[in-house]
Amino acid sequence: MTNIIEIILFPDALGLDIFGPVEVFHTASSLLEHTRAKTGAYTFRFVAAQKGPVRLSSGAELIAHATLDEPSQADIILVPGGGGAKSASTDSVLVEQIRNRAKHVKRILSVCNGAFLLAAAGLLDGKRAATHWMAAEDLATRFPKVKVEPDAIFIQDGNIYTSAGVTAGIDLALAIVEEDHGVSVALEVSRLLVLYLKRPGTQSQFSVPLRAQEAAGERFSSLHTWLTDNLDADISVEDMAAYSSMSERNFARVFKMQTGMTPGKYLETLRLDRAREIMVSGGESLEGIAQASGFGREERLRRAFYRRFGVTPSQYRLHFGGA
């Protein structure tokens, strides 16, 4: 007996949201076939509004085997994201079809902003959910009943699994394989595909650095430049206020109003981004990185890094660093 995975197609869906999980499930099925397991393999069924080719965001096309009007034969539904997901979530017919199909399956998965389709169908009401970090605020605003967790790689709440941006769908698929067949099979799949079995930390560590200069705006652009030029110095909020020709109290109030961060948090953000740049570019010691980025001591860097990114500097450098 196999697990039928029904993949919902719509125009401008992101191919990697589909192919990443599909290759994980296919590899698991190949392993199970090799070991002559009689149950638990995965097969795929692509469904869309109409049968035939559906153009993805890359221009590639996938063939829908069935229409969404036909009865579901699935054990699992997978809803991808991509540029077309948000507009698809406003298609009342598509949303209703997903809602109806969800009643008959064991598990429902979404990748990236495919969560918008599940939310529009009411499937995430009162539930915790993940989506791409750039879309998290929009998802929370449009669907206030959804408990959006912007830093999560993936989340399970009941029989619904939502995942973060793009490659997080691979992490989710590995978790499903582990749930179905145990850690040894999931580990072998990750080894064959050269993947992390369980990626450390949160999606914060993989997203682009905070655009601090944009947040500073014109009013504090000069201060931003001065800070980035002097990150290795001992800088206090009083120093930042003096540079801006403001009282410390007024500076702290106006700065937070402008940037959404306290001066101390803003400075820490710049220092963490500097530390990450050094880690990726070369073999500087952590003590040297701490000094160059203004943390002074390795322990202070380690605490701030883990608090922000959910991994230690050593773990981050192991996965993303240079020599």
Protein backbone atom coordinates (compact mmCIF):
# COMPACT_ATOMS: atom_id res chain seq x y z
CA MET A 1 0.00 0.00 0.00
CA THR A 2 1.38 3.38 -1.01
CA ASN A 3 0.89 6.93 0.23
CA ILE A 4 -0.65 8.99 -2.57
CA ILE A 5 0.58 12.58 -2.50
CA GLU A 6 -1.67 14.97 -4.36
CA ILE A 7 0.13 18.12 -5.49
CA ILE A 8 -2.01 21.17 -6.18
CA LEU A 9 -0.85 23.04 -9.29
CA PHE A 10 -1.66 26.63 -10.21
CA PRO A 11 -0.04 29.18 -12.54
CA ASP A 12 3.30 30.61 -11.35
CA ALA A 13 3.80 28.06 -8.58
CA LEU A 14 7.48 27.72 -7.64
CA GLY A 15 9.06 24.61 -9.09
CA LEU A 16 11.47 23.96 -6.22
CA ASP A 17 8.55 23.95 -3.76
CA ILE A 18 7.30 20.95 -5.74
CA PHE A 19 10.44 19.18 -6.94
CA GLY A 20 12.32 19.43 -3.63
CA PRO A 21 9.76 17.46 -1.60
CA VAL A 22 9.01 15.16 -4.55
CA GLU A 23 12.65 14.08 -4.81
CA VAL A 24 12.78 13.41 -1.06
CA PHE A 25 9.67 11.23 -1.22
CA HIS A 26 10.83 9.53 -4.43
CA THR A 27 14.23 8.71 -2.91
CA ALA A 28 12.53 7.28 0.16
CA SER A 29 10.34 5.14 -2.07
CA SER A 30 13.39 3.85 -3.95
CA LEU A 31 15.04 2.90 -0.68
CA LEU A 32 11.90 1.10 0.48
CA GLU A 33 11.67 -0.76 -2.82
CA HIS A 34 15.32 -1.80 -2.50
CA THR A 35 14.62 -3.23 0.94
CA ARG A 36 11.45 -4.86 -0.44
CA ALA A 37 9.19 -3.02 1.98
CA LYS A 38 5.60 -3.75 1.04
CA THR A 39 3.99 -0.60 2.38
CA GLY A 40 4.66 3.06 2.82
CA ALA A 41 6.14 4.13 -0.50
CA TYR A 42 4.98 7.40 -2.09
CA THR A 43 3.30 8.05 -5.43
CA PHE A 44 2.34 11.40 -6.92
CA ARG A 45 -0.79 12.79 -8.49
CA PHE A 46 -0.79 16.30 -9.92
CA VAL A 47 -4.13 18.12 -9.92
CA ALA A 48 -5.19 21.54 -11.16
CA ALA A 49 -8.24 23.46 -12.31
CA GLN A 50 -7.91 21.72 -15.68
CA LYS A 51 -6.01 18.72 -16.97
CA GLY A 52 -2.92 19.39 -19.03
CA PRO A 53 0.13 21.66 -18.71
CA VAL A 54 0.41 24.23 -15.92
CA ARG A 55 3.11 26.86 -16.33
CA LEU A 56 5.33 27.38 -13.28
CA SER A 57 7.10 30.60 -12.33
CA SER A 58 10.29 29.47 -14.12
CA GLY A 59 8.45 28.81 -17.37
CA ALA A 60 8.64 25.04 -16.93
CA GLU A 61 5.38 23.16 -17.24
CA LEU A 62 3.92 20.29 -15.25
CA ILE A 63 1.08 18.11 -16.49
CA ALA A 64 -1.99 17.89 -14.28
CA HIS A 65 -3.31 14.32 -14.20
CA ALA A 66 -6.71 15.26 -12.84
CA THR A 67 -8.92 18.22 -12.11
CA LEU A 68 -9.81 19.58 -8.71
CA ASP A 69 -13.45 18.75 -9.41
CA GLU A 70 -12.67 15.04 -9.34
CA PRO A 71 -12.84 13.13 -6.04
CA SER A 72 -9.57 13.12 -4.10
CA GLN A 73 -7.60 9.88 -3.96
CA ALA A 74 -4.88 11.28 -1.75
CA ASP A 75 -3.43 10.48 1.64
CA ILE A 76 -1.42 13.72 1.61
CA ILE A 77 -2.06 17.07 -0.06
CA LEU A 78 0.92 19.29 -0.92
CA VAL A 79 0.32 22.97 -1.70
CA PRO A 80 3.39 24.79 -3.10
CA GLY A 81 4.11 28.51 -2.94
CA GLY A 82 5.67 30.90 -5.40
CA GLY A 83 4.66 34.09 -7.11
CA GLY A 84 1.21 32.76 -7.96
CA ALA A 85 0.26 31.58 -4.48
CA LYS A 86 -1.09 34.85 -3.13
CA SER A 87 -3.22 35.53 -6.18
CA ALA A 88 -4.38 31.90 -6.16
CA SER A 89 -5.50 32.39 -2.56
CA THR A 90 -8.05 34.95 -3.80
CA ASP A 91 -9.61 32.43 -6.22
CA SER A 92 -12.74 31.44 -4.30
CA VAL A 93 -13.34 28.33 -6.43
CA LEU A 94 -9.79 27.02 -5.93
CA VAL A 95 -9.90 27.78 -2.20
CA GLU A 96 -13.20 25.93 -1.82
CA GLN A 97 -11.82 22.94 -3.72
CA ILE A 98 -8.80 22.78 -1.42
CA ARG A 99 -11.06 23.06 1.62
CA ASN A 100 -13.19 20.15 0.39
CA ARG A 101 -10.22 17.95 -0.48
CA ALA A 102 -8.63 18.58 2.91
CA LYS A 103 -11.58 16.83 4.58
CA HIS A 104 -10.56 13.48 3.10
CA VAL A 105 -6.78 13.34 3.63
CA LYS A 106 -4.57 12.33 6.54
CA ARG A 107 -2.08 15.19 6.21
CA ILE A 108 -1.95 18.58 4.53
CA LEU A 109 1.40 20.20 3.69
CA SER A 110 2.27 23.66 2.43
CA VAL A 111 5.60 25.08 1.31
CA CYS A 112 6.56 28.76 1.48
CA ASN A 113 3.58 31.05 0.84
CA GLY A 114 1.40 28.10 -0.07
CA ALA A 115 0.24 28.78 3.49
CA PHE A 116 -1.88 31.61 2.06
CA LEU A 117 -4.06 29.05 0.27
CA LEU A 118 -4.51 26.99 3.43
CA ALA A 119 -5.29 30.13 5.42
CA ALA A 120 -7.81 31.33 2.85
CA ALA A 121 -9.52 27.94 3.11
CA GLY A 122 -9.81 28.40 6.89
CA LEU A 123 -7.58 25.39 7.53
CA LEU A 124 -5.11 27.39 9.63
CA ASP A 125 -7.64 29.17 11.86
CA GLY A 126 -6.41 28.96 15.44
CA LYS A 127 -3.31 27.04 14.35
CA ARG A 128 0.40 27.79 14.41
CA ALA A 129 1.87 28.22 10.94
CA ALA A 130 5.09 28.97 9.10
CA THR A 131 5.69 30.68 5.78
CA HIS A 132 8.53 32.49 4.03
CA TRP A 133 10.01 35.11 6.37
CA MET A 134 9.23 37.88 3.86
CA ALA A 135 5.56 36.90 3.74
CA ALA A 136 5.02 36.28 7.47
CA GLU A 137 3.76 39.76 8.32
CA ASP A 138 1.40 39.80 5.34
CA LEU A 139 0.00 36.37 6.26
CA ALA A 140 -0.59 37.48 9.85
CA THR A 141 -2.30 40.69 8.69
CA ARG A 142 -4.57 39.06 6.12
CA PHE A 143 -5.47 36.13 8.35
CA PRO A 144 -5.45 37.27 11.99
CA LYS A 145 -6.80 33.91 13.21
CA VAL A 146 -3.54 32.25 12.14
CA LYS A 147 -0.71 32.12 14.70
CA VAL A 148 2.18 32.92 12.37
CA GLU A 149 5.68 32.03 13.60
CA PRO A 150 8.05 33.90 11.26
CA ASP A 151 11.28 32.17 12.31
CA ALA A 152 10.15 28.54 12.10
CA ILE A 153 11.57 26.21 9.42
CA PHE A 154 8.39 24.13 9.58
CA ILE A 155 5.51 23.61 11.99
CA GLN A 156 3.12 20.74 12.63
CA ASP A 157 -0.22 21.59 14.18
CA GLY A 158 -2.56 18.63 14.13
CA ASN A 159 -2.57 17.11 10.67
CA ILE A 160 -1.43 20.32 9.00
CA TYR A 161 2.25 20.98 8.28
CA THR A 162 3.45 24.37 7.05
CA SER A 163 7.00 25.24 6.07
CA ALA A 164 9.10 28.32 5.44
CA GLY A 165 10.72 29.56 2.28
CA VAL A 166 11.49 27.29 -0.68
CA THR A 167 14.06 24.71 0.49
CA ALA A 168 12.28 24.38 3.85
CA GLY A 169 9.86 22.15 1.94
CA ILE A 170 12.72 19.64 1.74
CA ASP A 171 13.14 19.79 5.52
CA LEU A 172 9.42 19.18 5.90
CA ALA A 173 9.45 16.23 3.49
CA LEU A 174 12.34 14.65 5.42
CA ALA A 175 10.35 15.06 8.63
CA ILE A 176 7.37 13.28 7.05
CA VAL A 177 9.62 10.43 5.90
CA GLU A 178 11.04 10.14 9.40
CA GLU A 179 7.52 10.14 10.85
CA ASP A 180 6.44 7.37 8.46
CA HIS A 181 9.55 5.20 8.32
CA GLY A 182 11.89 6.16 11.14
CA VAL A 183 15.09 8.09 11.45
CA SER A 184 17.29 5.51 9.67
CA VAL A 185 15.38 5.85 6.39
CA ALA A 186 15.24 9.64 6.67
CA LEU A 187 18.97 9.73 7.42
CA GLU A 188 19.74 7.61 4.37
CA VAL A 189 17.59 9.87 2.18
CA SER A 190 19.40 12.94 3.47
CA ARG A 191 22.77 11.24 2.89
CA LEU A 192 21.91 10.31 -0.70
CA LEU A 193 20.61 13.81 -1.48
CA VAL A 194 23.41 15.51 0.50
CA LEU A 195 20.99 17.27 2.85
CA TYR A 196 20.86 18.15 6.54
CA LEU A 197 18.55 15.65 8.23
CA LYS A 198 17.56 18.37 10.68
CA ARG A 199 18.69 21.85 9.78
CA PRO A 200 19.89 23.76 12.87
CA GLY A 201 18.36 26.99 14.04
CA THR A 202 15.60 29.02 12.44
CA GLN A 203 14.99 30.60 9.06
CA SER A 204 16.41 33.87 10.44
CA GLN A 205 19.88 32.50 9.83
CA PHE A 206 19.17 31.90 6.13
CA SER A 207 17.26 35.08 5.32
CA VAL A 208 19.01 38.20 4.09
CA PRO A 209 20.41 40.55 6.75
CA LEU A 210 18.12 43.21 8.13
CA ARG A 211 18.22 46.30 5.94
CA ALA A 212 19.28 48.50 8.81
CA GLN A 213 20.33 51.43 6.63
CA GLU A 214 16.88 51.56 5.04
CA ALA A 215 15.29 51.53 8.49
CA ALA A 216 17.55 54.40 9.59
CA GLY A 217 16.18 56.58 6.82
CA GLU A 218 17.59 59.94 5.84
CA ARG A 219 17.50 61.31 9.38
CA PHE A 220 19.98 58.75 10.75
CA SER A 221 21.84 57.80 7.57
CA SER A 222 24.96 59.63 8.67
CA LEU A 223 24.85 57.88 12.05
CA HIS A 224 24.49 54.53 10.30
CA THR A 225 27.62 55.20 8.24
CA TRP A 226 29.55 56.31 11.33
CA LEU A 227 28.52 53.17 13.20
CA THR A 228 29.51 50.80 10.40
CA ASP A 229 32.89 52.55 10.14
CA ASN A 230 33.52 52.17 13.87
CA LEU A 231 31.92 48.88 14.89
CA ASP A 232 35.11 47.68 16.56
CA ALA A 233 35.04 50.69 18.91
CA ASP A 234 33.35 50.89 22.32
CA ILE A 235 30.15 52.76 21.39
CA SER A 236 27.40 53.66 23.85
CA VAL A 237 23.91 55.05 23.32
CA GLU A 238 25.28 58.30 24.76
CA ASP A 239 27.90 58.35 21.98
CA MET A 240 25.21 57.74 19.35
CA ALA A 241 23.08 60.56 20.76
CA ALA A 242 26.04 62.94 20.85
CA TYR A 243 26.91 62.16 17.22
CA SER A 244 23.29 62.96 16.31
CA SER A 245 23.40 66.21 18.34
CA MET A 246 20.48 65.10 20.50
CA SER A 247 19.91 64.45 24.17
CA GLU A 248 20.21 60.78 25.05
CA ARG A 249 16.57 60.50 26.10
CA ASN A 250 15.18 62.25 23.02
CA PHE A 251 17.54 60.34 20.74
CA ALA A 252 16.41 56.96 22.13
CA ARG A 253 12.74 57.90 21.69
CA VAL A 254 13.07 59.30 18.14
CA PHE A 255 15.44 56.56 16.99
CA LYS A 256 13.09 53.76 18.04
CA MET A 257 10.17 55.56 16.41
CA GLN A 258 12.16 55.81 13.15
CA THR A 259 13.74 52.36 13.01
CA GLY A 260 11.49 50.17 15.16
CA MET A 261 14.52 49.21 17.26
CA THR A 262 16.24 50.56 20.32
CA PRO A 263 19.68 52.06 19.62
CA GLY A 264 21.31 49.16 21.43
CA LYS A 265 19.46 46.55 19.35
CA TYR A 266 20.28 48.42 16.15
CA LEU A 267 23.98 48.49 17.01
CA GLU A 268 23.89 44.78 17.89
CA THR A 269 22.24 44.05 14.52
CA LEU A 270 25.05 45.83 12.66
CA ARG A 271 27.66 43.96 14.68
CA LEU A 272 26.02 40.59 14.05
CA ASP A 273 25.91 41.27 10.32
CA ARG A 274 29.60 42.25 10.42
CA ALA A 275 30.42 39.07 12.32
CA ARG A 276 28.58 36.97 9.73
CA GLU A 277 30.45 38.69 6.89
CA ILE A 278 33.79 37.83 8.48
CA MET A 279 32.75 34.22 9.16
CA VAL A 280 31.75 33.65 5.55
CA SER A 281 34.82 35.32 4.05
CA GLY A 282 37.71 33.80 5.97
CA GLY A 283 39.34 31.86 8.77
CA GLU A 284 39.50 34.48 11.52
CA SER A 285 39.25 33.06 15.04
CA LEU A 286 36.01 33.63 16.94
CA GLU A 287 37.90 35.81 19.40
CA GLY A 288 39.18 37.89 16.49
CA ILE A 289 35.71 38.10 14.98
CA ALA A 290 34.29 39.23 18.33
CA GLN A 291 36.84 42.04 18.52
CA ALA A 292 36.48 43.10 14.88
CA SER A 293 32.68 43.28 15.13
CA GLY A 294 32.65 45.17 18.43
CA PHE A 295 31.54 42.41 20.80
CA GLY A 296 34.95 42.45 22.47
CA ARG A 297 34.84 38.91 23.82
CA GLU A 298 33.94 35.61 22.19
CA GLU A 299 31.39 34.83 24.90
CA ARG A 300 29.44 38.04 24.21
CA LEU A 301 29.42 37.24 20.48
CA ARG A 302 28.27 33.69 21.13
CA ARG A 303 25.37 34.76 23.35
CA ALA A 304 24.14 37.46 20.95
CA PHE A 305 24.54 35.20 17.93
CA TYR A 306 22.59 32.34 19.45
CA ARG A 307 19.87 34.67 20.73
CA ARG A 308 19.35 36.12 17.23
CA PHE A 309 19.92 33.15 14.92
CA GLY A 310 19.31 30.07 17.04
CA VAL A 311 22.77 28.60 16.29
CA THR A 312 26.24 29.16 17.70
CA PRO A 313 28.88 31.03 15.66
CA SER A 314 30.75 27.73 15.24
CA GLN A 315 27.68 26.00 13.80
CA TYR A 316 27.01 28.90 11.45
CA ARG A 317 30.58 28.95 10.19
CA LEU A 318 30.56 25.18 9.72
CA HIS A 319 27.56 25.47 7.38
CA PHE A 320 28.28 28.77 5.65
CA GLY A 321 31.84 29.78 6.38
CA GLY A 322 35.04 29.96 4.39
CA ALA A 323 38.33 28.21 5.10
